[in-house]
Amino acid sequence: MSKGKCTHITPMVFVKSLDKALEFYTGILGFEAGIKLDDYAFIVRDDISIRLIADTDGGSEASSQSCYVCVDGIDDLYQEMKAGLDGLPEGRVKVPFDQPYGQREFHVTDEDGLLIFFGERIED
């Protein structure tokens, strides 16, 4: 019997404004919208995807959400996004740094308070 293999996670992210979220993810972080409906969007970049869901009833707790995006070439990715990130309000971006647990990361907070960790394993 063959085993299934989980390869990545696709977070479901509740947003206050789907249009503002799409502007942020596509305009600044370089995602592309694969599907866009009135209250839902499926966005992709390279081998990852995120499902954005409009919070039409005001019940989500976006500020308690976070996700971790594993990447290759973290410094190059940061440089690619830098022009857009530089335009965000103070406190929304933490520039690349090394973590004591062996990851190099940068952090970005989206329009609705989702903390996005971008990280790459530091080679020994």
C-alpha atoms as a PDB file:
ATOM      1  CA  MET A   1       0.000   0.000   0.000  1.00  0.00           C
ATOM      2  CA  SER A   2       1.394   3.415  -0.942  1.00  0.00           C
ATOM      3  CA  LYS A   3       1.574   6.279   1.520  1.00  0.00           C
ATOM      4  CA  GLY A   4       0.233   9.754   0.895  1.00  0.00           C
ATOM      5  CA  LYS A   5       2.663  12.636   1.224  1.00  0.00           C
ATOM      6  CA  CYS A   6       1.692  16.062   2.506  1.00  0.00           C
ATOM      7  CA  THR A   7       3.742  18.641   0.640  1.00  0.00           C
ATOM      8  CA  HIS A   8       2.569  22.071   1.826  1.00  0.00           C
ATOM      9  CA  ILE A   9      -0.217  23.892   3.582  1.00  0.00           C
ATOM     10  CA  THR A  10      -2.669  26.349   2.070  1.00  0.00           C
ATOM     11  CA  PRO A  11      -3.960  28.693   4.747  1.00  0.00           C
ATOM     12  CA  MET A  12      -7.505  30.056   4.721  1.00  0.00           C
ATOM     13  CA  VAL A  13      -7.129  33.744   5.534  1.00  0.00           C
ATOM     14  CA  PHE A  14     -10.128  35.876   6.523  1.00  0.00           C
ATOM     15  CA  VAL A  15      -9.836  39.484   5.333  1.00  0.00           C
ATOM     16  CA  LYS A  16     -11.917  42.618   5.919  1.00  0.00           C
ATOM     17  CA  SER A  17     -11.604  43.795   2.319  1.00  0.00           C
ATOM     18  CA  LEU A  18     -10.919  41.299  -0.437  1.00  0.00           C
ATOM     19  CA  ASP A  19      -9.917  44.098  -2.832  1.00  0.00           C
ATOM     20  CA  LYS A  20      -7.375  45.578  -0.373  1.00  0.00           C
ATOM     21  CA  ALA A  21      -6.020  42.117   0.424  1.00  0.00           C
ATOM     22  CA  LEU A  22      -5.596  41.311  -3.267  1.00  0.00           C
ATOM     23  CA  GLU A  23      -3.862  44.639  -3.829  1.00  0.00           C
ATOM     24  CA  PHE A  24      -1.435  43.824  -0.997  1.00  0.00           C
ATOM     25  CA  TYR A  25      -0.723  40.208  -1.975  1.00  0.00           C
ATOM     26  CA  THR A  26      -0.479  40.798  -5.730  1.00  0.00           C
ATOM     27  CA  GLY A  27       0.968  44.309  -5.752  1.00  0.00           C
ATOM     28  CA  ILE A  28       3.514  43.993  -2.949  1.00  0.00           C
ATOM     29  CA  LEU A  29       4.193  40.298  -2.348  1.00  0.00           C
ATOM     30  CA  GLY A  30       4.044  39.223  -6.004  1.00  0.00           C
ATOM     31  CA  PHE A  31       1.209  36.675  -5.835  1.00  0.00           C
ATOM     32  CA  GLU A  32      -1.127  36.117  -8.784  1.00  0.00           C
ATOM     33  CA  ALA A  33      -4.873  35.718  -8.480  1.00  0.00           C
ATOM     34  CA  GLY A  34      -5.867  32.295  -9.799  1.00  0.00           C
ATOM     35  CA  ILE A  35      -9.544  32.695  -8.938  1.00  0.00           C
ATOM     36  CA  LYS A  36     -11.420  35.784  -7.774  1.00  0.00           C
ATOM     37  CA  LEU A  37     -15.054  35.762  -6.744  1.00  0.00           C
ATOM     38  CA  ASP A  38     -17.040  38.354  -4.763  1.00  0.00           C
ATOM     39  CA  ASP A  39     -16.016  36.909  -1.388  1.00  0.00           C
ATOM     40  CA  TYR A  40     -13.149  34.508  -2.214  1.00  0.00           C
ATOM     41  CA  ALA A  41      -9.807  34.529  -3.975  1.00  0.00           C
ATOM     42  CA  PHE A  42      -7.222  31.820  -4.550  1.00  0.00           C
ATOM     43  CA  ILE A  43      -3.760  33.331  -4.974  1.00  0.00           C
ATOM     44  CA  VAL A  44      -0.486  31.668  -5.908  1.00  0.00           C
ATOM     45  CA  ARG A  45       3.203  32.401  -6.009  1.00  0.00           C
ATOM     46  CA  ASP A  46       5.691  29.755  -7.107  1.00  0.00           C
ATOM     47  CA  ASP A  47       4.719  26.549  -5.261  1.00  0.00           C
ATOM     48  CA  ILE A  48       2.492  28.068  -2.576  1.00  0.00           C
ATOM     49  CA  SER A  49      -1.090  29.261  -2.445  1.00  0.00           C
ATOM     50  CA  ILE A  50      -3.374  31.151  -0.066  1.00  0.00           C
ATOM     51  CA  ARG A  51      -7.157  31.244   0.019  1.00  0.00           C
ATOM     52  CA  LEU A  52      -8.503  34.694   0.911  1.00  0.00           C
ATOM     53  CA  ILE A  53     -12.042  34.777   2.298  1.00  0.00           C
ATOM     54  CA  ALA A  54     -13.983  38.013   2.795  1.00  0.00           C
ATOM     55  CA  ASP A  55     -15.163  38.313   6.385  1.00  0.00           C
ATOM     56  CA  THR A  56     -18.699  39.391   5.541  1.00  0.00           C
ATOM     57  CA  ASP A  57     -20.120  38.837   9.032  1.00  0.00           C
ATOM     58  CA  GLY A  58     -17.286  40.442  11.010  1.00  0.00           C
ATOM     59  CA  GLY A  59     -16.596  37.249  12.939  1.00  0.00           C
ATOM     60  CA  SER A  60     -12.969  36.500  12.048  1.00  0.00           C
ATOM     61  CA  GLU A  61     -10.066  37.174  14.335  1.00  0.00           C
ATOM     62  CA  ALA A  62      -7.466  38.080  11.730  1.00  0.00           C
ATOM     63  CA  SER A  63      -5.041  39.492  14.280  1.00  0.00           C
ATOM     64  CA  SER A  64      -4.535  36.022  15.785  1.00  0.00           C
ATOM     65  CA  GLN A  65      -3.631  34.426  12.452  1.00  0.00           C
ATOM     66  CA  SER A  66      -0.169  33.731  11.098  1.00  0.00           C
ATOM     67  CA  CYS A  67       1.437  31.520   8.511  1.00  0.00           C
ATOM     68  CA  TYR A  68       4.950  30.387   7.665  1.00  0.00           C
ATOM     69  CA  VAL A  69       6.131  30.344   4.066  1.00  0.00           C
ATOM     70  CA  CYS A  70       9.205  28.199   3.411  1.00  0.00           C
ATOM     71  CA  VAL A  71      11.354  29.683   0.653  1.00  0.00           C
ATOM     72  CA  ASP A  72      14.606  29.233  -1.226  1.00  0.00           C
ATOM     73  CA  GLY A  73      16.739  32.365  -1.713  1.00  0.00           C
ATOM     74  CA  ILE A  74      15.237  34.474   1.046  1.00  0.00           C
ATOM     75  CA  ASP A  75      17.462  37.519   0.549  1.00  0.00           C
ATOM     76  CA  ASP A  76      16.686  37.618  -3.176  1.00  0.00           C
ATOM     77  CA  LEU A  77      12.964  37.319  -2.419  1.00  0.00           C
ATOM     78  CA  TYR A  78      13.167  40.184   0.072  1.00  0.00           C
ATOM     79  CA  GLN A  79      14.966  42.376  -2.460  1.00  0.00           C
ATOM     80  CA  GLU A  80      12.283  41.579  -5.040  1.00  0.00           C
ATOM     81  CA  MET A  81       9.548  42.706  -2.620  1.00  0.00           C
ATOM     82  CA  LYS A  82      11.498  45.565  -1.027  1.00  0.00           C
ATOM     83  CA  ALA A  83      10.083  48.451  -3.081  1.00  0.00           C
ATOM     84  CA  GLY A  84       6.535  47.505  -2.106  1.00  0.00           C
ATOM     85  CA  LEU A  85       7.446  46.678   1.486  1.00  0.00           C
ATOM     86  CA  ASP A  86       9.169  50.058   1.934  1.00  0.00           C
ATOM     87  CA  GLY A  87       5.817  51.733   1.288  1.00  0.00           C
ATOM     88  CA  LEU A  88       4.056  49.967   4.169  1.00  0.00           C
ATOM     89  CA  PRO A  89       3.469  51.733   7.490  1.00  0.00           C
ATOM     90  CA  GLU A  90       6.150  51.408  10.171  1.00  0.00           C
ATOM     91  CA  GLY A  91       5.958  48.172  12.120  1.00  0.00           C
ATOM     92  CA  ARG A  92       4.502  46.041   9.309  1.00  0.00           C
ATOM     93  CA  VAL A  93       7.860  44.647   8.099  1.00  0.00           C
ATOM     94  CA  LYS A  94      10.778  43.053   9.904  1.00  0.00           C
ATOM     95  CA  VAL A  95      13.816  42.891   7.606  1.00  0.00           C
ATOM     96  CA  PRO A  96      15.734  39.618   7.099  1.00  0.00           C
ATOM     97  CA  PHE A  97      17.496  38.286  10.183  1.00  0.00           C
ATOM     98  CA  ASP A  98      18.865  34.976  11.472  1.00  0.00           C
ATOM     99  CA  GLN A  99      16.940  33.052  14.118  1.00  0.00           C
ATOM    100  CA  PRO A 100      18.681  30.956  16.780  1.00  0.00           C
ATOM    101  CA  TYR A 101      16.741  27.908  15.539  1.00  0.00           C
ATOM    102  CA  GLY A 102      18.576  27.886  12.214  1.00  0.00           C
ATOM    103  CA  GLN A 103      16.242  29.866   9.958  1.00  0.00           C
ATOM    104  CA  ARG A 104      16.759  33.167   8.162  1.00  0.00           C
ATOM    105  CA  GLU A 105      13.466  35.051   8.122  1.00  0.00           C
ATOM    106  CA  PHE A 106      11.665  38.263   7.346  1.00  0.00           C
ATOM    107  CA  HIS A 107       8.183  39.094   8.577  1.00  0.00           C
ATOM    108  CA  VAL A 108       5.332  41.033   6.990  1.00  0.00           C
ATOM    109  CA  THR A 109       1.935  41.890   8.447  1.00  0.00           C
ATOM    110  CA  ASP A 110      -0.913  42.177   5.949  1.00  0.00           C
ATOM    111  CA  GLU A 111      -3.810  44.666   5.888  1.00  0.00           C
ATOM    112  CA  ASP A 112      -5.856  42.589   8.355  1.00  0.00           C
ATOM    113  CA  GLY A 113      -3.123  41.711  10.858  1.00  0.00           C
ATOM    114  CA  LEU A 114      -2.013  38.336   9.470  1.00  0.00           C
ATOM    115  CA  LEU A 115       1.646  37.866  10.369  1.00  0.00           C
ATOM    116  CA  ILE A 116       3.436  36.208   7.446  1.00  0.00           C
ATOM    117  CA  PHE A 117       6.781  34.579   8.217  1.00  0.00           C
ATOM    118  CA  PHE A 118       9.034  34.019   5.204  1.00  0.00           C
ATOM    119  CA  GLY A 119      11.859  31.643   6.153  1.00  0.00           C
ATOM    120  CA  GLU A 120      14.742  29.628   4.813  1.00  0.00           C
ATOM    121  CA  ARG A 121      16.961  27.116   6.567  1.00  0.00           C
ATOM    122  CA  ILE A 122      20.446  28.466   7.211  1.00  0.00           C
ATOM    123  CA  GLU A 123      23.002  26.128   5.696  1.00  0.00           C
ATOM    124  CA  ASP A 124      25.801  25.037   8.028  1.00  0.00           C
END
